[in-house]
Amino acid sequence: MQYSYPKLVMSLLAGTFLLSGCATNGERYDPLEPMNRGIYHFNDAVDKAVLKPVAHGYKAVVPDPVRTSVGNFFSNLDDVIVIANDLLQFKFHQAASDTTRLVFNSTFGVLGLFDVATGWDLPKHDEDFGQTLGYWGIGNGPYLVLPILGPSTLRDTIGRSADSHVDPIWQHNDVPQRNSAAGINLVDTRARLLKVEKVVDDAALDKYIFIREGYLQKRRSLVYDGNPPREKLEDYDDEPVKSEKAIPADKATTP
């Protein structure tokens, strides 16, 4: 059964509004932590056995300019998703900029292999349906770790599903070509994360918590376009944090 993107968006919005009643404003809502940790360890094992070695091989064999062009190509395809969510968030000026960026990179940039638009003051933006739901006030819901895909939330998982309906890769009808493109994109993305991996290993006492907190903070920043409101401490703790220790009345002194 085929759904148009607008109908899909409306149905997902309706479902998410129902689910948002159990979501909290606290960014650290992780009631499924035991299950999430299990999936995290599974993902880590797959990464060490398959993805990381393949990424190292890809980086060793493919020259830097070619890898840059591969990244540019997939970034250009991603702009289709960005534009759709620009419009859903009523960011019409940004939508016009991103549409121009897509056209310029697809033509002058040879199907997006070269990012000519950034040099012409048309910067890359990052928008997806998970952010769109956040823009319209939908809470994160519980934190989730997805098999292979990694960190997410209930809201962002719904967002991934919606975005797939406008993603040029997943809408490509040739299954072998579609799967090959998705595989190359995955390997290229993993290769770009090799530099970050050492930072995580050195900084994290608990990698699961480190990745969870980093993901949630980044997503919060993206929803608010880099300017999130100040967080309330009571969102994260059962008891409000007092700024000063109370002084017993009998020990209080007067000037």
C-alpha atoms as a PDB file:
ATOM      1  CA  MET A   1       0.000   0.000   0.000  1.00  0.00           C
ATOM      2  CA  GLN A   2       1.444   3.346  -1.047  1.00  0.00           C
ATOM      3  CA  TYR A   3       1.204   6.508   1.068  1.00  0.00           C
ATOM      4  CA  SER A   4       1.849  10.035  -0.059  1.00  0.00           C
ATOM      5  CA  TYR A   5       4.329  11.923   2.105  1.00  0.00           C
ATOM      6  CA  PRO A   6       1.756  14.452   3.396  1.00  0.00           C
ATOM      7  CA  LYS A   7      -0.659  11.644   4.432  1.00  0.00           C
ATOM      8  CA  LEU A   8       2.180   9.736   6.045  1.00  0.00           C
ATOM      9  CA  VAL A   9       3.261  12.841   7.938  1.00  0.00           C
ATOM     10  CA  MET A  10      -0.254  13.464   9.245  1.00  0.00           C
ATOM     11  CA  SER A  11      -0.715   9.863  10.384  1.00  0.00           C
ATOM     12  CA  LEU A  12       2.658   9.835  12.123  1.00  0.00           C
ATOM     13  CA  LEU A  13       1.927  13.177  13.771  1.00  0.00           C
ATOM     14  CA  ALA A  14      -1.356  11.824  15.109  1.00  0.00           C
ATOM     15  CA  GLY A  15       0.338   8.742  16.516  1.00  0.00           C
ATOM     16  CA  THR A  16       3.171  10.730  17.993  1.00  0.00           C
ATOM     17  CA  PHE A  17       0.822  13.184  19.714  1.00  0.00           C
ATOM     18  CA  LEU A  18      -0.805  10.198  21.423  1.00  0.00           C
ATOM     19  CA  LEU A  19       2.587   8.860  22.456  1.00  0.00           C
ATOM     20  CA  SER A  20       3.831  12.246  23.609  1.00  0.00           C
ATOM     21  CA  GLY A  21       1.676  11.996  26.700  1.00  0.00           C
ATOM     22  CA  CYS A  22       4.139   9.492  28.190  1.00  0.00           C
ATOM     23  CA  ALA A  23       7.194  11.483  27.094  1.00  0.00           C
ATOM     24  CA  THR A  24       8.948  13.753  29.526  1.00  0.00           C
ATOM     25  CA  ASN A  25      10.937  16.907  29.015  1.00  0.00           C
ATOM     26  CA  GLY A  26      13.921  15.204  30.621  1.00  0.00           C
ATOM     27  CA  GLU A  27      16.481  14.334  27.973  1.00  0.00           C
ATOM     28  CA  ARG A  28      17.795  11.398  29.983  1.00  0.00           C
ATOM     29  CA  TYR A  29      14.613   9.311  29.870  1.00  0.00           C
ATOM     30  CA  ASP A  30      16.000   5.797  29.400  1.00  0.00           C
ATOM     31  CA  PRO A  31      13.560   3.275  30.925  1.00  0.00           C
ATOM     32  CA  LEU A  32      14.713   0.562  28.498  1.00  0.00           C
ATOM     33  CA  GLU A  33      18.378   0.813  29.485  1.00  0.00           C
ATOM     34  CA  PRO A  34      18.941  -2.948  30.040  1.00  0.00           C
ATOM     35  CA  MET A  35      17.596  -3.754  26.558  1.00  0.00           C
ATOM     36  CA  ASN A  36      19.371  -0.755  25.039  1.00  0.00           C
ATOM     37  CA  ARG A  37      22.681  -1.825  26.543  1.00  0.00           C
ATOM     38  CA  GLY A  38      22.230  -5.299  25.085  1.00  0.00           C
ATOM     39  CA  ILE A  39      21.631  -3.875  21.607  1.00  0.00           C
ATOM     40  CA  TYR A  40      24.533  -1.464  22.108  1.00  0.00           C
ATOM     41  CA  HIS A  41      26.903  -4.373  22.857  1.00  0.00           C
ATOM     42  CA  PHE A  42      25.565  -6.255  19.819  1.00  0.00           C
ATOM     43  CA  ASN A  43      26.176  -3.211  17.617  1.00  0.00           C
ATOM     44  CA  ASP A  44      29.649  -2.798  19.087  1.00  0.00           C
ATOM     45  CA  ALA A  45      30.500  -6.425  18.305  1.00  0.00           C
ATOM     46  CA  VAL A  46      29.261  -6.081  14.703  1.00  0.00           C
ATOM     47  CA  ASP A  47      31.205  -2.851  14.342  1.00  0.00           C
ATOM     48  CA  LYS A  48      34.459  -4.398  15.576  1.00  0.00           C
ATOM     49  CA  ALA A  49      34.027  -7.541  13.469  1.00  0.00           C
ATOM     50  CA  VAL A  50      32.751  -5.996  10.215  1.00  0.00           C
ATOM     51  CA  LEU A  51      32.168  -2.266   9.894  1.00  0.00           C
ATOM     52  CA  LYS A  52      35.372  -0.946  11.428  1.00  0.00           C
ATOM     53  CA  PRO A  53      37.730  -3.234   9.425  1.00  0.00           C
ATOM     54  CA  VAL A  54      35.843  -2.419   6.220  1.00  0.00           C
ATOM     55  CA  ALA A  55      36.020   1.309   7.010  1.00  0.00           C
ATOM     56  CA  HIS A  56      39.780   1.079   7.595  1.00  0.00           C
ATOM     57  CA  GLY A  57      40.183  -0.764   4.281  1.00  0.00           C
ATOM     58  CA  TYR A  58      38.009   1.774   2.481  1.00  0.00           C
ATOM     59  CA  LYS A  59      40.075   4.634   3.881  1.00  0.00           C
ATOM     60  CA  ALA A  60      43.354   2.928   2.993  1.00  0.00           C
ATOM     61  CA  VAL A  61      42.379   2.077  -0.593  1.00  0.00           C
ATOM     62  CA  VAL A  62      40.226   5.023  -1.673  1.00  0.00           C
ATOM     63  CA  PRO A  63      42.079   8.352  -2.108  1.00  0.00           C
ATOM     64  CA  ASP A  64      40.987  11.377  -0.099  1.00  0.00           C
ATOM     65  CA  PRO A  65      39.547  13.323  -3.090  1.00  0.00           C
ATOM     66  CA  VAL A  66      37.397  10.324  -4.059  1.00  0.00           C
ATOM     67  CA  ARG A  67      36.132   9.864  -0.499  1.00  0.00           C
ATOM     68  CA  THR A  68      35.300  13.569  -0.381  1.00  0.00           C
ATOM     69  CA  SER A  69      33.297  13.247  -3.590  1.00  0.00           C
ATOM     70  CA  VAL A  70      31.456  10.196  -2.232  1.00  0.00           C
ATOM     71  CA  GLY A  71      30.540  12.138   0.906  1.00  0.00           C
ATOM     72  CA  ASN A  72      29.434  15.116  -1.197  1.00  0.00           C
ATOM     73  CA  PHE A  73      27.234  12.866  -3.353  1.00  0.00           C
ATOM     74  CA  PHE A  74      25.307  11.440  -0.400  1.00  0.00           C
ATOM     75  CA  SER A  75      25.129  14.841   1.279  1.00  0.00           C
ATOM     76  CA  ASN A  76      23.534  16.192  -1.890  1.00  0.00           C
ATOM     77  CA  LEU A  77      20.900  13.427  -1.836  1.00  0.00           C
ATOM     78  CA  ASP A  78      20.259  14.194   1.828  1.00  0.00           C
ATOM     79  CA  ASP A  79      19.320  17.759   0.868  1.00  0.00           C
ATOM     80  CA  VAL A  80      16.043  16.368  -0.523  1.00  0.00           C
ATOM     81  CA  ILE A  81      15.106  15.303   3.025  1.00  0.00           C
ATOM     82  CA  VAL A  82      16.350  18.616   4.401  1.00  0.00           C
ATOM     83  CA  ILE A  83      14.156  20.618   2.017  1.00  0.00           C
ATOM     84  CA  ALA A  84      11.043  18.572   2.839  1.00  0.00           C
ATOM     85  CA  ASN A  85      11.529  19.233   6.544  1.00  0.00           C
ATOM     86  CA  ASP A  86      12.374  22.901   5.965  1.00  0.00           C
ATOM     87  CA  LEU A  87       8.890  23.247   4.504  1.00  0.00           C
ATOM     88  CA  LEU A  88       7.227  21.262   7.291  1.00  0.00           C
ATOM     89  CA  GLN A  89       8.845  23.634   9.816  1.00  0.00           C
ATOM     90  CA  PHE A  90       7.784  26.706   7.796  1.00  0.00           C
ATOM     91  CA  LYS A  91      11.433  27.666   7.251  1.00  0.00           C
ATOM     92  CA  PHE A  92      10.716  28.977   3.786  1.00  0.00           C
ATOM     93  CA  HIS A  93      13.827  31.122   3.420  1.00  0.00           C
ATOM     94  CA  GLN A  94      16.015  28.161   4.382  1.00  0.00           C
ATOM     95  CA  ALA A  95      14.024  25.915   2.036  1.00  0.00           C
ATOM     96  CA  ALA A  96      14.749  28.300  -0.853  1.00  0.00           C
ATOM     97  CA  SER A  97      18.451  28.317   0.032  1.00  0.00           C
ATOM     98  CA  ASP A  98      18.606  24.527   0.314  1.00  0.00           C
ATOM     99  CA  THR A  99      16.705  24.057  -2.960  1.00  0.00           C
ATOM    100  CA  THR A 100      19.154  26.362  -4.711  1.00  0.00           C
ATOM    101  CA  ARG A 101      22.009  24.441  -3.104  1.00  0.00           C
ATOM    102  CA  LEU A 102      20.581  21.140  -4.375  1.00  0.00           C
ATOM    103  CA  VAL A 103      20.153  22.480  -7.916  1.00  0.00           C
ATOM    104  CA  PHE A 104      23.643  24.022  -8.065  1.00  0.00           C
ATOM    105  CA  ASN A 105      25.414  20.966  -6.676  1.00  0.00           C
ATOM    106  CA  SER A 106      23.409  18.608  -8.887  1.00  0.00           C
ATOM    107  CA  THR A 107      24.321  20.573 -12.013  1.00  0.00           C
ATOM    108  CA  PHE A 108      27.518  22.593 -11.601  1.00  0.00           C
ATOM    109  CA  GLY A 109      28.725  20.099  -8.993  1.00  0.00           C
ATOM    110  CA  VAL A 110      28.244  17.107 -11.341  1.00  0.00           C
ATOM    111  CA  LEU A 111      25.465  15.208  -9.535  1.00  0.00           C
ATOM    112  CA  GLY A 112      26.710  16.428  -6.195  1.00  0.00           C
ATOM    113  CA  LEU A 113      30.246  15.042  -6.454  1.00  0.00           C
ATOM    114  CA  PHE A 114      31.567  18.560  -5.870  1.00  0.00           C
ATOM    115  CA  ASP A 115      30.176  20.935  -3.264  1.00  0.00           C
ATOM    116  CA  VAL A 116      30.203  24.190  -5.199  1.00  0.00           C
ATOM    117  CA  ALA A 117      27.221  25.649  -3.312  1.00  0.00           C
ATOM    118  CA  THR A 118      29.006  26.140   0.009  1.00  0.00           C
ATOM    119  CA  GLY A 119      31.533  28.399  -1.700  1.00  0.00           C
ATOM    120  CA  TRP A 120      28.630  30.404  -3.078  1.00  0.00           C
ATOM    121  CA  ASP A 121      27.260  31.158   0.411  1.00  0.00           C
ATOM    122  CA  LEU A 122      24.711  28.320   0.369  1.00  0.00           C
ATOM    123  CA  PRO A 123      25.617  26.368   3.522  1.00  0.00           C
ATOM    124  CA  LYS A 124      24.584  22.818   4.313  1.00  0.00           C
ATOM    125  CA  HIS A 125      21.712  22.502   6.802  1.00  0.00           C
ATOM    126  CA  ASP A 126      20.672  19.533   8.906  1.00  0.00           C
ATOM    127  CA  GLU A 127      16.941  18.890   9.129  1.00  0.00           C
ATOM    128  CA  ASP A 128      14.953  15.659   9.422  1.00  0.00           C
ATOM    129  CA  PHE A 129      11.474  14.598  10.471  1.00  0.00           C
ATOM    130  CA  GLY A 130      12.580  13.850  14.022  1.00  0.00           C
ATOM    131  CA  GLN A 131      13.584  17.506  14.304  1.00  0.00           C
ATOM    132  CA  THR A 132      10.311  18.542  12.684  1.00  0.00           C
ATOM    133  CA  LEU A 133       8.365  16.680  15.366  1.00  0.00           C
ATOM    134  CA  GLY A 134      10.505  18.373  18.020  1.00  0.00           C
ATOM    135  CA  TYR A 135       9.920  21.745  16.366  1.00  0.00           C
ATOM    136  CA  TRP A 136       6.170  21.254  16.791  1.00  0.00           C
ATOM    137  CA  GLY A 137       6.537  20.344  20.454  1.00  0.00           C
ATOM    138  CA  ILE A 138       6.709  16.543  20.397  1.00  0.00           C
ATOM    139  CA  GLY A 139       8.940  15.183  23.169  1.00  0.00           C
ATOM    140  CA  ASN A 140      11.727  12.676  22.680  1.00  0.00           C
ATOM    141  CA  GLY A 141       9.960   9.762  24.290  1.00  0.00           C
ATOM    142  CA  PRO A 142      12.215   6.988  25.591  1.00  0.00           C
ATOM    143  CA  TYR A 143      15.805   6.722  24.440  1.00  0.00           C
ATOM    144  CA  LEU A 144      16.341   3.767  22.091  1.00  0.00           C
ATOM    145  CA  VAL A 145      19.334   1.965  20.629  1.00  0.00           C
ATOM    146  CA  LEU A 146      18.453   0.482  17.234  1.00  0.00           C
ATOM    147  CA  PRO A 147      20.203  -2.586  15.812  1.00  0.00           C
ATOM    148  CA  ILE A 148      23.024  -1.441  13.478  1.00  0.00           C
ATOM    149  CA  LEU A 149      21.571   2.089  13.259  1.00  0.00           C
ATOM    150  CA  GLY A 150      22.602   2.993  16.802  1.00  0.00           C
ATOM    151  CA  PRO A 151      21.278   5.721  19.144  1.00  0.00           C
ATOM    152  CA  SER A 152      17.797   7.113  18.657  1.00  0.00           C
ATOM    153  CA  THR A 153      14.608   7.997  20.515  1.00  0.00           C
ATOM    154  CA  LEU A 154      10.989   7.062  19.929  1.00  0.00           C
ATOM    155  CA  ARG A 155      10.471  10.383  18.176  1.00  0.00           C
ATOM    156  CA  ASP A 156      13.574  10.018  15.996  1.00  0.00           C
ATOM    157  CA  THR A 157      12.712   6.417  15.101  1.00  0.00           C
ATOM    158  CA  ILE A 158       9.344   7.598  13.777  1.00  0.00           C
ATOM    159  CA  GLY A 159      11.218  10.371  12.001  1.00  0.00           C
ATOM    160  CA  ARG A 160      13.531   7.898  10.261  1.00  0.00           C
ATOM    161  CA  SER A 161      10.511   6.046   8.904  1.00  0.00           C
ATOM    162  CA  ALA A 162       8.967   9.228   7.531  1.00  0.00           C
ATOM    163  CA  ASP A 163      12.234  10.431   5.980  1.00  0.00           C
ATOM    164  CA  SER A 164      12.690   7.131   4.154  1.00  0.00           C
ATOM    165  CA  HIS A 165       9.637   7.992   2.040  1.00  0.00           C
ATOM    166  CA  VAL A 166      11.437  10.964   0.495  1.00  0.00           C
ATOM    167  CA  ASP A 167      14.993   9.608   0.656  1.00  0.00           C
ATOM    168  CA  PRO A 168      16.224   9.221  -2.957  1.00  0.00           C
ATOM    169  CA  ILE A 169      18.228   6.139  -1.976  1.00  0.00           C
ATOM    170  CA  TRP A 170      15.352   4.190  -0.426  1.00  0.00           C
ATOM    171  CA  GLN A 171      12.910   5.318  -3.120  1.00  0.00           C
ATOM    172  CA  HIS A 172      15.151   3.942  -5.865  1.00  0.00           C
ATOM    173  CA  ASN A 173      13.368   0.997  -7.478  1.00  0.00           C
ATOM    174  CA  ASP A 174      16.424  -1.053  -8.455  1.00  0.00           C
ATOM    175  CA  VAL A 175      16.999  -3.106  -5.297  1.00  0.00           C
ATOM    176  CA  PRO A 176      20.650  -4.125  -5.944  1.00  0.00           C
ATOM    177  CA  GLN A 177      21.600  -0.519  -6.768  1.00  0.00           C
ATOM    178  CA  ARG A 178      19.657   0.785  -3.780  1.00  0.00           C
ATOM    179  CA  ASN A 179      21.329  -1.659  -1.380  1.00  0.00           C
ATOM    180  CA  SER A 180      24.752  -0.950  -2.858  1.00  0.00           C
ATOM    181  CA  ALA A 181      24.264   2.790  -2.412  1.00  0.00           C
ATOM    182  CA  ALA A 182      23.093   2.312   1.181  1.00  0.00           C
ATOM    183  CA  GLY A 183      26.105   0.098   1.878  1.00  0.00           C
ATOM    184  CA  ILE A 184      28.589   2.581   0.430  1.00  0.00           C
ATOM    185  CA  ASN A 185      26.992   5.389   2.409  1.00  0.00           C
ATOM    186  CA  LEU A 186      27.260   3.332   5.607  1.00  0.00           C
ATOM    187  CA  VAL A 187      30.930   2.509   5.036  1.00  0.00           C
ATOM    188  CA  ASP A 188      31.784   6.094   4.092  1.00  0.00           C
ATOM    189  CA  THR A 189      30.017   7.406   7.205  1.00  0.00           C
ATOM    190  CA  ARG A 190      31.819   4.869   9.418  1.00  0.00           C
ATOM    191  CA  ALA A 191      35.172   5.867   7.907  1.00  0.00           C
ATOM    192  CA  ARG A 192      34.476   9.500   8.808  1.00  0.00           C
ATOM    193  CA  LEU A 193      33.877   8.484  12.414  1.00  0.00           C
ATOM    194  CA  LEU A 194      37.252   6.784  12.830  1.00  0.00           C
ATOM    195  CA  LYS A 195      38.827  10.037  14.031  1.00  0.00           C
ATOM    196  CA  VAL A 196      36.112  10.523  16.638  1.00  0.00           C
ATOM    197  CA  GLU A 197      36.391   7.006  18.023  1.00  0.00           C
ATOM    198  CA  LYS A 198      39.637   7.610  19.912  1.00  0.00           C
ATOM    199  CA  VAL A 199      38.147  10.669  21.614  1.00  0.00           C
ATOM    200  CA  VAL A 200      35.238   8.560  22.871  1.00  0.00           C
ATOM    201  CA  ASP A 201      37.546   5.778  24.056  1.00  0.00           C
ATOM    202  CA  ASP A 202      39.773   8.226  25.940  1.00  0.00           C
ATOM    203  CA  ALA A 203      36.999  10.334  27.458  1.00  0.00           C
ATOM    204  CA  ALA A 204      34.341   7.812  28.423  1.00  0.00           C
ATOM    205  CA  LEU A 205      34.254   5.802  31.618  1.00  0.00           C
ATOM    206  CA  ASP A 206      30.990   4.314  30.361  1.00  0.00           C
ATOM    207  CA  LYS A 207      30.757   4.501  26.560  1.00  0.00           C
ATOM    208  CA  TYR A 208      27.034   3.734  26.581  1.00  0.00           C
ATOM    209  CA  ILE A 209      26.250   6.774  28.765  1.00  0.00           C
ATOM    210  CA  PHE A 210      28.765   8.948  26.906  1.00  0.00           C
ATOM    211  CA  ILE A 211      27.158   8.146  23.540  1.00  0.00           C
ATOM    212  CA  ARG A 212      23.624   8.502  24.913  1.00  0.00           C
ATOM    213  CA  GLU A 213      24.301  11.915  26.433  1.00  0.00           C
ATOM    214  CA  GLY A 214      26.157  13.146  23.367  1.00  0.00           C
ATOM    215  CA  TYR A 215      23.358  12.014  21.055  1.00  0.00           C
ATOM    216  CA  LEU A 216      20.579  13.577  23.128  1.00  0.00           C
ATOM    217  CA  GLN A 217      22.424  16.858  23.541  1.00  0.00           C
ATOM    218  CA  LYS A 218      23.147  17.063  19.832  1.00  0.00           C
ATOM    219  CA  ARG A 219      19.535  16.330  18.911  1.00  0.00           C
ATOM    220  CA  ARG A 220      18.286  18.952  21.372  1.00  0.00           C
ATOM    221  CA  SER A 221      20.646  21.497  19.831  1.00  0.00           C
ATOM    222  CA  LEU A 222      19.463  20.625  16.318  1.00  0.00           C
ATOM    223  CA  VAL A 223      15.780  20.937  17.217  1.00  0.00           C
ATOM    224  CA  TYR A 224      16.418  24.455  18.512  1.00  0.00           C
ATOM    225  CA  ASP A 225      18.811  25.364  15.675  1.00  0.00           C
ATOM    226  CA  GLY A 226      21.792  25.558  18.000  1.00  0.00           C
ATOM    227  CA  ASN A 227      20.084  27.760  20.601  1.00  0.00           C
ATOM    228  CA  PRO A 228      18.185  25.473  23.012  1.00  0.00           C
ATOM    229  CA  PRO A 229      16.398  26.976  26.016  1.00  0.00           C
ATOM    230  CA  ARG A 230      17.986  26.580  29.409  1.00  0.00           C
ATOM    231  CA  GLU A 231      17.304  23.135  30.830  1.00  0.00           C
ATOM    232  CA  LYS A 232      15.492  22.751  34.137  1.00  0.00           C
ATOM    233  CA  LEU A 233      17.402  20.695  36.682  1.00  0.00           C
ATOM    234  CA  GLU A 234      14.215  19.156  37.992  1.00  0.00           C
ATOM    235  CA  ASP A 235      13.651  17.603  34.573  1.00  0.00           C
ATOM    236  CA  TYR A 236      16.535  15.246  35.309  1.00  0.00           C
ATOM    237  CA  ASP A 237      16.292  14.695  39.074  1.00  0.00           C
ATOM    238  CA  ASP A 238      13.557  13.502  41.396  1.00  0.00           C
ATOM    239  CA  GLU A 239      14.346  16.392  43.738  1.00  0.00           C
ATOM    240  CA  PRO A 240      15.187  19.994  42.813  1.00  0.00           C
ATOM    241  CA  VAL A 241      18.837  20.867  43.319  1.00  0.00           C
ATOM    242  CA  LYS A 242      19.295  23.619  45.889  1.00  0.00           C
ATOM    243  CA  SER A 243      21.944  26.184  45.116  1.00  0.00           C
ATOM    244  CA  GLU A 244      22.798  26.769  48.771  1.00  0.00           C
ATOM    245  CA  LYS A 245      22.951  24.511  51.773  1.00  0.00           C
ATOM    246  CA  ALA A 246      20.308  25.390  54.328  1.00  0.00           C
ATOM    247  CA  ILE A 247      21.622  26.922  57.569  1.00  0.00           C
ATOM    248  CA  PRO A 248      19.876  25.855  60.780  1.00  0.00           C
ATOM    249  CA  ALA A 249      18.075  28.781  62.409  1.00  0.00           C
ATOM    250  CA  ASP A 250      19.864  28.354  65.714  1.00  0.00           C
ATOM    251  CA  LYS A 251      23.249  28.708  64.007  1.00  0.00           C
ATOM    252  CA  ALA A 252      22.333  31.673  61.893  1.00  0.00           C
ATOM    253  CA  THR A 253      24.142  34.881  62.693  1.00  0.00           C
ATOM    254  CA  THR A 254      23.147  38.431  62.106  1.00  0.00           C
ATOM    255  CA  PRO A 255      25.513  41.191  61.105  1.00  0.00           C
END
